[in-house]
Amino acid sequence: MPLIRFARVSTVGQSYEEQIKQLEDIGCFKIFTGKNSGEKKKNASRLKELLDFVREGDTIVVTKLDRLGRSTSQILNLYEELESRGIGLKSLDGVIDTEKRADPFDKVKFVFMAALAEMERNLIRERTLEGRLAKGEDGKGGRPKALTEEQKKAFWRDVKKNYSISKLAQKYNISNSTAYRLRKEAKAA
């Protein structure tokens, strides 16, 4: 029975490499990958390619159940589709292996683990949002200002003295483009 692998990462900074190595170690011959960092359509199209490729008797292998989708309902719908088409599903973390149909609680375990994966994603999202909000309340976050308010006042005095852009940039240790922008702000004020 051919093993077809699917690897997905959630953010730009993540890599498929570890997932691919694990999947190659068990003998998967075809790979489909998807990134889910704001590229939902692209990821959905890669998953669709996978579903168009697999045939009855094939088995899709993932490293973890949550690699198949972002929500419990999405994962369950995929599971139902695969089951109806006679396509196997196996996760290397042991959550599901449809080739081993002996355990009647496999589907219950599958649903439970899919729900846990979604809950974990939601908790991470919530903590991230809370952290961003907390930083924002302290006035932190975002790119640091090129000059402090005190430095800006001195910069504006130097602009009035007709210092050149390159001299301003050098004196305040900023780029020429930042010096142009700050000079424009100073003249507008």
N, C-alpha and C. Protein backbone atom coordinates (compact mmCIF):
# COMPACT_ATOMS: atom_id res chain seq x y z
N MET A 1 0.85 -1.17 0.00
CA MET A 1 0.00 0.00 0.00
C MET A 1 0.89 1.23 0.00
N PRO A 2 0.79 2.10 -1.03
CA PRO A 2 1.63 3.29 -1.11
C PRO A 2 1.38 4.26 0.05
N LEU A 3 2.47 4.82 0.56
CA LEU A 3 2.38 5.81 1.63
C LEU A 3 2.65 7.19 1.04
N ILE A 4 1.71 8.10 1.21
CA ILE A 4 1.84 9.46 0.70
C ILE A 4 1.92 10.37 1.90
N ARG A 5 2.90 11.24 1.94
CA ARG A 5 3.08 12.08 3.12
C ARG A 5 2.55 13.49 2.88
N PHE A 6 2.16 14.11 3.96
CA PHE A 6 1.73 15.51 3.94
C PHE A 6 2.38 16.21 5.11
N ALA A 7 3.14 17.26 4.82
CA ALA A 7 3.80 18.05 5.86
C ALA A 7 3.26 19.46 5.78
N ARG A 8 2.98 20.05 6.94
CA ARG A 8 2.47 21.42 6.98
C ARG A 8 3.12 22.14 8.14
N VAL A 9 3.47 23.40 7.92
CA VAL A 9 3.94 24.25 9.00
C VAL A 9 3.02 25.44 9.10
N SER A 10 2.97 26.03 10.30
CA SER A 10 2.01 27.10 10.56
C SER A 10 2.56 28.49 10.36
N THR A 11 3.85 28.67 10.44
CA THR A 11 4.40 30.01 10.31
C THR A 11 5.59 30.01 9.38
N VAL A 12 5.94 31.20 8.94
CA VAL A 12 7.05 31.36 8.00
C VAL A 12 8.35 30.86 8.60
N GLY A 13 8.57 31.06 9.88
CA GLY A 13 9.82 30.66 10.53
C GLY A 13 9.98 29.17 10.73
N GLN A 14 8.92 28.41 10.56
CA GLN A 14 9.00 26.97 10.78
C GLN A 14 9.49 26.27 9.52
N SER A 15 10.02 25.06 9.70
CA SER A 15 10.57 24.30 8.59
C SER A 15 9.93 22.92 8.51
N TYR A 16 9.83 22.42 7.28
CA TYR A 16 9.31 21.08 7.04
C TYR A 16 10.35 20.00 7.33
N GLU A 17 11.60 20.39 7.42
CA GLU A 17 12.70 19.42 7.40
C GLU A 17 12.52 18.25 8.36
N GLU A 18 12.20 18.52 9.62
CA GLU A 18 12.05 17.44 10.60
C GLU A 18 10.89 16.52 10.24
N GLN A 19 9.76 17.12 9.82
CA GLN A 19 8.61 16.31 9.43
C GLN A 19 8.97 15.42 8.24
N ILE A 20 9.64 16.00 7.25
CA ILE A 20 10.00 15.25 6.04
C ILE A 20 10.94 14.10 6.39
N LYS A 21 11.91 14.35 7.26
CA LYS A 21 12.84 13.29 7.66
C LYS A 21 12.09 12.13 8.31
N GLN A 22 11.18 12.44 9.24
CA GLN A 22 10.40 11.39 9.90
C GLN A 22 9.58 10.60 8.89
N LEU A 23 9.00 11.29 7.93
CA LEU A 23 8.16 10.62 6.94
C LEU A 23 8.99 9.78 5.97
N GLU A 24 10.17 10.27 5.61
CA GLU A 24 11.05 9.49 4.72
C GLU A 24 11.53 8.23 5.42
N ASP A 25 11.77 8.32 6.72
CA ASP A 25 12.27 7.17 7.48
C ASP A 25 11.30 5.99 7.46
N ILE A 26 10.01 6.25 7.27
CA ILE A 26 9.05 5.13 7.24
C ILE A 26 8.69 4.72 5.82
N GLY A 27 9.32 5.33 4.81
CA GLY A 27 9.16 4.86 3.45
C GLY A 27 8.10 5.56 2.62
N CYS A 28 7.74 6.77 2.94
CA CYS A 28 6.78 7.50 2.11
C CYS A 28 7.45 7.87 0.79
N PHE A 29 6.70 7.79 -0.31
CA PHE A 29 7.32 8.04 -1.60
C PHE A 29 6.91 9.35 -2.26
N LYS A 30 5.85 9.97 -1.85
CA LYS A 30 5.38 11.22 -2.45
C LYS A 30 5.14 12.23 -1.34
N ILE A 31 5.50 13.49 -1.60
CA ILE A 31 5.35 14.51 -0.56
C ILE A 31 4.49 15.67 -1.04
N PHE A 32 3.64 16.13 -0.16
CA PHE A 32 2.85 17.34 -0.37
C PHE A 32 3.09 18.22 0.84
N THR A 33 3.32 19.51 0.62
CA THR A 33 3.58 20.41 1.74
C THR A 33 2.68 21.62 1.67
N GLY A 34 2.46 22.23 2.82
CA GLY A 34 1.66 23.45 2.87
C GLY A 34 2.10 24.31 4.03
N LYS A 35 2.08 25.64 3.81
CA LYS A 35 2.35 26.59 4.89
C LYS A 35 1.05 27.30 5.20
N ASN A 36 0.84 27.55 6.47
CA ASN A 36 -0.44 28.12 6.86
C ASN A 36 -0.31 29.49 7.48
N SER A 37 0.69 30.23 7.12
CA SER A 37 0.88 31.55 7.70
C SER A 37 0.22 32.60 6.82
N GLY A 38 -1.08 32.69 6.90
CA GLY A 38 -1.79 33.66 6.09
C GLY A 38 -1.99 33.20 4.66
N GLU A 39 -1.58 31.99 4.34
CA GLU A 39 -1.71 31.47 2.98
C GLU A 39 -2.73 30.34 2.97
N LYS A 40 -3.91 30.59 3.52
CA LYS A 40 -4.90 29.53 3.65
C LYS A 40 -5.29 28.93 2.30
N LYS A 41 -5.42 29.80 1.28
CA LYS A 41 -5.81 29.30 -0.04
C LYS A 41 -4.74 28.39 -0.62
N LYS A 42 -3.47 28.81 -0.46
CA LYS A 42 -2.36 28.00 -0.98
C LYS A 42 -2.30 26.65 -0.26
N ASN A 43 -2.46 26.67 1.07
CA ASN A 43 -2.44 25.43 1.83
C ASN A 43 -3.60 24.54 1.42
N ALA A 44 -4.78 25.14 1.25
CA ALA A 44 -5.96 24.38 0.84
C ALA A 44 -5.74 23.76 -0.54
N SER A 45 -5.07 24.49 -1.44
CA SER A 45 -4.82 23.94 -2.77
C SER A 45 -3.83 22.78 -2.71
N ARG A 46 -2.83 22.85 -1.82
CA ARG A 46 -1.89 21.73 -1.68
C ARG A 46 -2.60 20.51 -1.10
N LEU A 47 -3.50 20.73 -0.14
CA LEU A 47 -4.27 19.63 0.42
C LEU A 47 -5.18 19.04 -0.65
N LYS A 48 -5.77 19.89 -1.50
CA LYS A 48 -6.62 19.40 -2.58
C LYS A 48 -5.80 18.58 -3.57
N GLU A 49 -4.57 19.04 -3.88
CA GLU A 49 -3.68 18.27 -4.75
C GLU A 49 -3.45 16.88 -4.17
N LEU A 50 -3.20 16.83 -2.87
CA LEU A 50 -2.99 15.55 -2.19
C LEU A 50 -4.22 14.67 -2.34
N LEU A 51 -5.40 15.23 -2.08
CA LEU A 51 -6.64 14.45 -2.15
C LEU A 51 -6.93 13.99 -3.57
N ASP A 52 -6.57 14.81 -4.57
CA ASP A 52 -6.75 14.40 -5.97
C ASP A 52 -5.77 13.29 -6.35
N PHE A 53 -4.60 13.28 -5.72
CA PHE A 53 -3.56 12.31 -6.05
C PHE A 53 -3.83 10.93 -5.45
N VAL A 54 -4.28 10.89 -4.20
CA VAL A 54 -4.43 9.60 -3.52
C VAL A 54 -5.58 8.79 -4.09
N ARG A 55 -5.41 7.49 -4.04
CA ARG A 55 -6.41 6.55 -4.56
C ARG A 55 -6.78 5.55 -3.47
N GLU A 56 -7.83 4.83 -3.70
CA GLU A 56 -8.27 3.80 -2.75
C GLU A 56 -7.10 2.86 -2.47
N GLY A 57 -6.89 2.56 -1.21
CA GLY A 57 -5.79 1.68 -0.81
C GLY A 57 -4.53 2.43 -0.40
N ASP A 58 -4.41 3.71 -0.77
CA ASP A 58 -3.27 4.52 -0.34
C ASP A 58 -3.44 4.89 1.13
N THR A 59 -2.35 5.31 1.74
CA THR A 59 -2.39 5.79 3.13
C THR A 59 -1.67 7.13 3.19
N ILE A 60 -2.34 8.12 3.76
CA ILE A 60 -1.73 9.43 3.99
C ILE A 60 -1.09 9.38 5.37
N VAL A 61 0.18 9.80 5.43
CA VAL A 61 0.91 9.78 6.69
C VAL A 61 1.30 11.22 7.06
N VAL A 62 1.02 11.58 8.31
CA VAL A 62 1.41 12.89 8.84
C VAL A 62 2.17 12.66 10.13
N THR A 63 3.01 13.63 10.51
CA THR A 63 3.76 13.46 11.76
C THR A 63 2.85 13.66 12.96
N LYS A 64 1.92 14.62 12.85
CA LYS A 64 0.97 14.90 13.93
C LYS A 64 -0.38 15.18 13.30
N LEU A 65 -1.42 14.86 14.01
CA LEU A 65 -2.78 15.03 13.52
C LEU A 65 -3.09 16.47 13.13
N ASP A 66 -2.59 17.44 13.89
CA ASP A 66 -2.92 18.84 13.61
C ASP A 66 -2.28 19.36 12.32
N ARG A 67 -1.42 18.57 11.68
CA ARG A 67 -0.84 18.97 10.40
C ARG A 67 -1.89 18.91 9.29
N LEU A 68 -2.99 18.20 9.52
CA LEU A 68 -4.03 18.06 8.49
C LEU A 68 -4.94 19.27 8.40
N GLY A 69 -5.06 20.04 9.46
CA GLY A 69 -5.96 21.17 9.41
C GLY A 69 -5.87 22.02 10.65
N ARG A 70 -6.64 23.13 10.63
CA ARG A 70 -6.57 24.10 11.71
C ARG A 70 -7.72 24.00 12.69
N SER A 71 -8.71 23.19 12.38
CA SER A 71 -9.85 23.08 13.30
C SER A 71 -10.30 21.62 13.38
N THR A 72 -10.99 21.32 14.46
CA THR A 72 -11.50 19.96 14.65
C THR A 72 -12.43 19.58 13.51
N SER A 73 -13.33 20.49 13.14
CA SER A 73 -14.29 20.18 12.08
C SER A 73 -13.58 19.93 10.75
N GLN A 74 -12.55 20.70 10.46
CA GLN A 74 -11.79 20.51 9.21
C GLN A 74 -11.12 19.13 9.20
N ILE A 75 -10.52 18.76 10.31
CA ILE A 75 -9.84 17.46 10.40
C ILE A 75 -10.86 16.32 10.32
N LEU A 76 -11.98 16.47 11.01
CA LEU A 76 -13.01 15.42 10.99
C LEU A 76 -13.62 15.26 9.60
N ASN A 77 -13.87 16.37 8.91
CA ASN A 77 -14.41 16.28 7.54
C ASN A 77 -13.44 15.55 6.63
N LEU A 78 -12.15 15.85 6.78
CA LEU A 78 -11.13 15.18 5.98
C LEU A 78 -11.10 13.68 6.31
N TYR A 79 -11.17 13.36 7.59
CA TYR A 79 -11.18 11.96 8.02
C TYR A 79 -12.36 11.21 7.38
N GLU A 80 -13.55 11.82 7.43
CA GLU A 80 -14.75 11.19 6.84
C GLU A 80 -14.57 10.97 5.35
N GLU A 81 -14.01 11.97 4.66
CA GLU A 81 -13.79 11.84 3.22
C GLU A 81 -12.83 10.70 2.91
N LEU A 82 -11.72 10.65 3.65
CA LEU A 82 -10.74 9.59 3.42
C LEU A 82 -11.34 8.22 3.68
N GLU A 83 -12.09 8.11 4.76
CA GLU A 83 -12.72 6.84 5.11
C GLU A 83 -13.69 6.40 4.02
N SER A 84 -14.49 7.32 3.50
CA SER A 84 -15.47 6.97 2.46
C SER A 84 -14.80 6.58 1.15
N ARG A 85 -13.60 7.09 0.90
CA ARG A 85 -12.87 6.77 -0.33
C ARG A 85 -11.95 5.57 -0.17
N GLY A 86 -11.90 4.98 1.02
CA GLY A 86 -11.03 3.82 1.24
C GLY A 86 -9.56 4.18 1.32
N ILE A 87 -9.27 5.39 1.78
CA ILE A 87 -7.90 5.87 1.90
C ILE A 87 -7.52 5.85 3.37
N GLY A 88 -6.37 5.28 3.67
CA GLY A 88 -5.92 5.18 5.05
C GLY A 88 -5.33 6.48 5.56
N LEU A 89 -5.26 6.59 6.88
CA LEU A 89 -4.68 7.76 7.53
C LEU A 89 -3.87 7.29 8.72
N LYS A 90 -2.65 7.80 8.81
CA LYS A 90 -1.77 7.40 9.91
C LYS A 90 -1.02 8.63 10.39
N SER A 91 -0.98 8.82 11.71
CA SER A 91 -0.15 9.88 12.28
C SER A 91 0.98 9.22 13.06
N LEU A 92 2.18 9.73 12.88
CA LEU A 92 3.34 9.11 13.51
C LEU A 92 3.34 9.28 15.02
N ASP A 93 2.54 10.21 15.54
CA ASP A 93 2.46 10.37 17.00
C ASP A 93 1.51 9.35 17.63
N GLY A 94 0.97 8.45 16.82
CA GLY A 94 0.16 7.35 17.34
C GLY A 94 -1.30 7.66 17.58
N VAL A 95 -1.75 8.84 17.20
CA VAL A 95 -3.15 9.20 17.43
C VAL A 95 -4.08 8.35 16.58
N ILE A 96 -3.70 8.13 15.33
CA ILE A 96 -4.57 7.33 14.46
C ILE A 96 -3.74 6.51 13.50
N ASP A 97 -4.24 5.32 13.24
CA ASP A 97 -3.69 4.44 12.22
C ASP A 97 -4.86 3.60 11.74
N THR A 98 -5.45 4.00 10.62
CA THR A 98 -6.66 3.32 10.15
C THR A 98 -6.39 1.92 9.62
N GLU A 99 -5.12 1.57 9.44
CA GLU A 99 -4.80 0.21 9.02
C GLU A 99 -5.04 -0.77 10.16
N LYS A 100 -5.00 -0.28 11.39
CA LYS A 100 -5.25 -1.11 12.57
C LYS A 100 -6.67 -0.86 13.04
N ARG A 101 -7.61 -1.52 12.45
CA ARG A 101 -9.03 -1.29 12.75
C ARG A 101 -9.53 -2.10 13.94
N ALA A 102 -8.65 -2.74 14.68
CA ALA A 102 -9.08 -3.61 15.77
C ALA A 102 -9.71 -2.84 16.92
N ASP A 103 -9.26 -1.61 17.17
CA ASP A 103 -9.73 -0.84 18.31
C ASP A 103 -10.98 -0.03 17.94
N PRO A 104 -12.13 -0.34 18.56
CA PRO A 104 -13.37 0.39 18.23
C PRO A 104 -13.35 1.83 18.72
N PHE A 105 -12.42 2.18 19.57
CA PHE A 105 -12.36 3.54 20.10
C PHE A 105 -11.41 4.44 19.32
N ASP A 106 -10.88 3.95 18.20
CA ASP A 106 -9.97 4.76 17.40
C ASP A 106 -10.59 6.09 16.98
N LYS A 107 -11.84 6.03 16.51
CA LYS A 107 -12.47 7.26 16.04
C LYS A 107 -12.72 8.22 17.21
N VAL A 108 -13.09 7.69 18.37
CA VAL A 108 -13.30 8.54 19.55
C VAL A 108 -11.98 9.21 19.93
N LYS A 109 -10.90 8.41 19.93
CA LYS A 109 -9.58 8.95 20.25
C LYS A 109 -9.18 10.01 19.22
N PHE A 110 -9.48 9.74 17.97
CA PHE A 110 -9.17 10.67 16.88
C PHE A 110 -9.88 12.00 17.10
N VAL A 111 -11.18 11.96 17.37
CA VAL A 111 -11.98 13.17 17.59
C VAL A 111 -11.44 13.93 18.80
N PHE A 112 -11.14 13.21 19.86
CA PHE A 112 -10.64 13.83 21.08
C PHE A 112 -9.30 14.53 20.82
N MET A 113 -8.39 13.87 20.13
CA MET A 113 -7.08 14.45 19.86
C MET A 113 -7.19 15.65 18.92
N ALA A 114 -8.10 15.58 17.95
CA ALA A 114 -8.31 16.71 17.04
C ALA A 114 -8.82 17.91 17.83
N ALA A 115 -9.73 17.67 18.76
CA ALA A 115 -10.26 18.75 19.60
C ALA A 115 -9.16 19.33 20.49
N LEU A 116 -8.32 18.47 21.05
CA LEU A 116 -7.20 18.95 21.87
C LEU A 116 -6.23 19.81 21.06
N ALA A 117 -5.95 19.38 19.83
CA ALA A 117 -5.03 20.14 18.98
C ALA A 117 -5.61 21.52 18.69
N GLU A 118 -6.91 21.59 18.41
CA GLU A 118 -7.54 22.88 18.16
C GLU A 118 -7.51 23.75 19.41
N MET A 119 -7.79 23.15 20.56
CA MET A 119 -7.78 23.89 21.81
C MET A 119 -6.38 24.46 22.08
N GLU A 120 -5.36 23.65 21.84
CA GLU A 120 -3.98 24.11 22.05
C GLU A 120 -3.66 25.30 21.14
N ARG A 121 -4.07 25.22 19.86
CA ARG A 121 -3.86 26.34 18.95
C ARG A 121 -4.55 27.60 19.45
N ASN A 122 -5.79 27.44 19.93
CA ASN A 122 -6.54 28.60 20.44
C ASN A 122 -5.87 29.20 21.67
N LEU A 123 -5.36 28.35 22.57
CA LEU A 123 -4.67 28.85 23.76
C LEU A 123 -3.40 29.62 23.38
N ILE A 124 -2.66 29.09 22.43
CA ILE A 124 -1.44 29.77 21.98
C ILE A 124 -1.80 31.12 21.37
N ARG A 125 -2.84 31.13 20.53
CA ARG A 125 -3.28 32.38 19.90
C ARG A 125 -3.69 33.40 20.97
N GLU A 126 -4.43 32.92 21.98
CA GLU A 126 -4.89 33.79 23.06
C GLU A 126 -3.72 34.37 23.86
N ARG A 127 -2.75 33.50 24.21
CA ARG A 127 -1.59 33.98 24.97
C ARG A 127 -0.77 34.97 24.16
N THR A 128 -0.64 34.71 22.87
CA THR A 128 0.10 35.63 22.01
C THR A 128 -0.58 36.99 21.96
N LEU A 129 -1.90 36.98 21.81
CA LEU A 129 -2.65 38.23 21.78
C LEU A 129 -2.53 38.98 23.10
N GLU A 130 -2.65 38.25 24.21
CA GLU A 130 -2.51 38.87 25.53
C GLU A 130 -1.13 39.50 25.69
N GLY A 131 -0.11 38.80 25.23
CA GLY A 131 1.25 39.33 25.31
C GLY A 131 1.42 40.59 24.48
N ARG A 132 0.85 40.59 23.30
CA ARG A 132 0.94 41.78 22.44
C ARG A 132 0.20 42.96 23.07
N LEU A 133 -0.97 42.68 23.62
CA LEU A 133 -1.74 43.75 24.27
C LEU A 133 -0.99 44.30 25.47
N ALA A 134 -0.40 43.42 26.27
CA ALA A 134 0.35 43.86 27.45
C ALA A 134 1.53 44.73 27.04
N LYS A 135 2.23 44.35 25.99
CA LYS A 135 3.36 45.15 25.51
C LYS A 135 2.87 46.50 25.02
N GLY A 136 1.74 46.50 24.32
CA GLY A 136 1.18 47.75 23.80
C GLY A 136 0.79 48.70 24.91
N GLU A 137 0.27 48.18 26.02
CA GLU A 137 -0.13 49.02 27.15
C GLU A 137 1.08 49.68 27.80
N ASP A 138 2.22 49.05 27.74
CA ASP A 138 3.44 49.61 28.31
C ASP A 138 4.13 50.57 27.35
N GLY A 139 3.54 50.74 26.17
CA GLY A 139 4.15 51.60 25.17
C GLY A 139 5.27 50.91 24.42
N LYS A 140 5.37 49.61 24.58
CA LYS A 140 6.41 48.85 23.90
C LYS A 140 5.83 48.22 22.65
N GLY A 141 6.68 47.69 21.84
CA GLY A 141 6.25 47.02 20.63
C GLY A 141 6.52 47.92 19.43
N GLY A 142 6.59 47.31 18.29
CA GLY A 142 6.87 48.07 17.09
C GLY A 142 8.35 48.41 16.98
N ARG A 143 8.64 49.14 15.96
CA ARG A 143 10.02 49.52 15.68
C ARG A 143 10.45 50.67 16.59
N PRO A 144 11.67 50.64 17.10
CA PRO A 144 12.13 51.75 17.95
C PRO A 144 12.24 53.04 17.12
N LYS A 145 12.01 54.16 17.76
CA LYS A 145 12.12 55.46 17.09
C LYS A 145 13.58 55.74 16.76
N ALA A 146 13.78 56.41 15.63
CA ALA A 146 15.14 56.73 15.19
C ALA A 146 15.80 57.70 16.16
N LEU A 147 15.02 58.68 16.62
CA LEU A 147 15.56 59.70 17.53
C LEU A 147 14.59 59.91 18.69
N THR A 148 15.15 60.22 19.84
CA THR A 148 14.31 60.58 20.99
C THR A 148 13.74 61.97 20.73
N GLU A 149 12.78 62.39 21.54
CA GLU A 149 12.19 63.73 21.38
C GLU A 149 13.26 64.82 21.54
N GLU A 150 14.15 64.62 22.47
CA GLU A 150 15.23 65.58 22.70
C GLU A 150 16.15 65.66 21.47
N GLN A 151 16.48 64.50 20.90
CA GLN A 151 17.33 64.46 19.71
C GLN A 151 16.62 65.12 18.52
N LYS A 152 15.29 64.91 18.43
CA LYS A 152 14.53 65.52 17.33
C LYS A 152 14.61 67.05 17.40
N LYS A 153 14.49 67.59 18.60
CA LYS A 153 14.57 69.05 18.76
C LYS A 153 15.93 69.57 18.31
N ALA A 154 16.99 68.85 18.69
CA ALA A 154 18.34 69.24 18.27
C ALA A 154 18.47 69.09 16.75
N PHE A 155 17.89 68.02 16.20
CA PHE A 155 17.91 67.77 14.75
C PHE A 155 17.24 68.94 14.03
N TRP A 156 16.08 69.37 14.53
CA TRP A 156 15.34 70.46 13.89
C TRP A 156 16.12 71.78 13.95
N ARG A 157 16.84 71.99 15.05
CA ARG A 157 17.69 73.19 15.14
C ARG A 157 18.78 73.15 14.07
N ASP A 158 19.34 71.94 13.87
CA ASP A 158 20.38 71.79 12.86
C ASP A 158 19.81 71.94 11.45
N VAL A 159 18.57 71.52 11.24
CA VAL A 159 17.91 71.71 9.94
C VAL A 159 17.80 73.20 9.65
N LYS A 160 17.42 73.98 10.67
CA LYS A 160 17.29 75.44 10.51
C LYS A 160 18.64 76.10 10.22
N LYS A 161 19.72 75.44 10.65
CA LYS A 161 21.07 75.95 10.37
C LYS A 161 21.55 75.51 8.99
N ASN A 162 20.64 74.83 8.23
CA ASN A 162 20.92 74.37 6.86
C ASN A 162 22.03 73.31 6.77
N TYR A 163 22.08 72.42 7.75
CA TYR A 163 23.01 71.29 7.66
C TYR A 163 22.58 70.41 6.48
N SER A 164 23.55 69.80 5.81
CA SER A 164 23.22 68.90 4.70
C SER A 164 22.64 67.59 5.25
N ILE A 165 21.94 66.88 4.37
CA ILE A 165 21.34 65.60 4.76
C ILE A 165 22.42 64.63 5.23
N SER A 166 23.52 64.54 4.50
CA SER A 166 24.56 63.59 4.89
C SER A 166 25.18 63.96 6.24
N LYS A 167 25.34 65.27 6.49
CA LYS A 167 25.89 65.70 7.78
C LYS A 167 24.91 65.38 8.91
N LEU A 168 23.60 65.62 8.68
CA LEU A 168 22.58 65.29 9.68
C LEU A 168 22.56 63.79 9.97
N ALA A 169 22.60 63.00 8.89
CA ALA A 169 22.56 61.54 9.04
C ALA A 169 23.77 61.05 9.83
N GLN A 170 24.92 61.59 9.51
CA GLN A 170 26.15 61.19 10.20
C GLN A 170 26.12 61.62 11.67
N LYS A 171 25.71 62.85 11.93
CA LYS A 171 25.71 63.39 13.29
C LYS A 171 24.76 62.61 14.21
N TYR A 172 23.59 62.22 13.67
CA TYR A 172 22.58 61.55 14.50
C TYR A 172 22.56 60.03 14.31
N ASN A 173 23.52 59.54 13.53
CA ASN A 173 23.65 58.09 13.31
C ASN A 173 22.35 57.49 12.76
N ILE A 174 21.83 58.12 11.71
CA ILE A 174 20.61 57.63 11.05
C ILE A 174 20.88 57.56 9.56
N SER A 175 20.00 56.90 8.83
CA SER A 175 20.18 56.79 7.38
C SER A 175 19.79 58.10 6.71
N ASN A 176 20.25 58.27 5.47
CA ASN A 176 19.89 59.48 4.72
C ASN A 176 18.37 59.57 4.54
N SER A 177 17.72 58.44 4.27
CA SER A 177 16.26 58.48 4.06
C SER A 177 15.54 58.91 5.33
N THR A 178 16.02 58.48 6.49
CA THR A 178 15.42 58.91 7.75
C THR A 178 15.67 60.40 7.96
N ALA A 179 16.85 60.86 7.61
CA ALA A 179 17.16 62.29 7.73
C ALA A 179 16.24 63.12 6.82
N TYR A 180 16.01 62.65 5.59
CA TYR A 180 15.08 63.35 4.68
C TYR A 180 13.68 63.41 5.29
N ARG A 181 13.23 62.28 5.82
CA ARG A 181 11.88 62.22 6.39
C ARG A 181 11.76 63.17 7.59
N LEU A 182 12.74 63.14 8.47
CA LEU A 182 12.70 64.01 9.65
C LEU A 182 12.81 65.49 9.27
N ARG A 183 13.61 65.78 8.25
CA ARG A 183 13.72 67.17 7.78
C ARG A 183 12.38 67.65 7.22
N LYS A 184 11.71 66.77 6.49
CA LYS A 184 10.39 67.10 5.94
C LYS A 184 9.40 67.38 7.07
N GLU A 185 9.44 66.54 8.12
CA GLU A 185 8.58 66.75 9.29
C GLU A 185 8.90 68.08 9.96
N ALA A 186 10.18 68.40 10.07
CA ALA A 186 10.60 69.64 10.74
C ALA A 186 10.12 70.86 9.96
N LYS A 187 10.19 70.80 8.64
CA LYS A 187 9.76 71.94 7.81
C LYS A 187 8.24 72.09 7.84
N ALA A 188 7.53 70.96 8.01
CA ALA A 188 6.06 71.00 8.06
C ALA A 188 5.57 71.55 9.40
N ALA A 189 6.40 71.42 10.44
CA ALA A 189 5.97 71.84 11.79
C ALA A 189 6.06 73.32 12.01
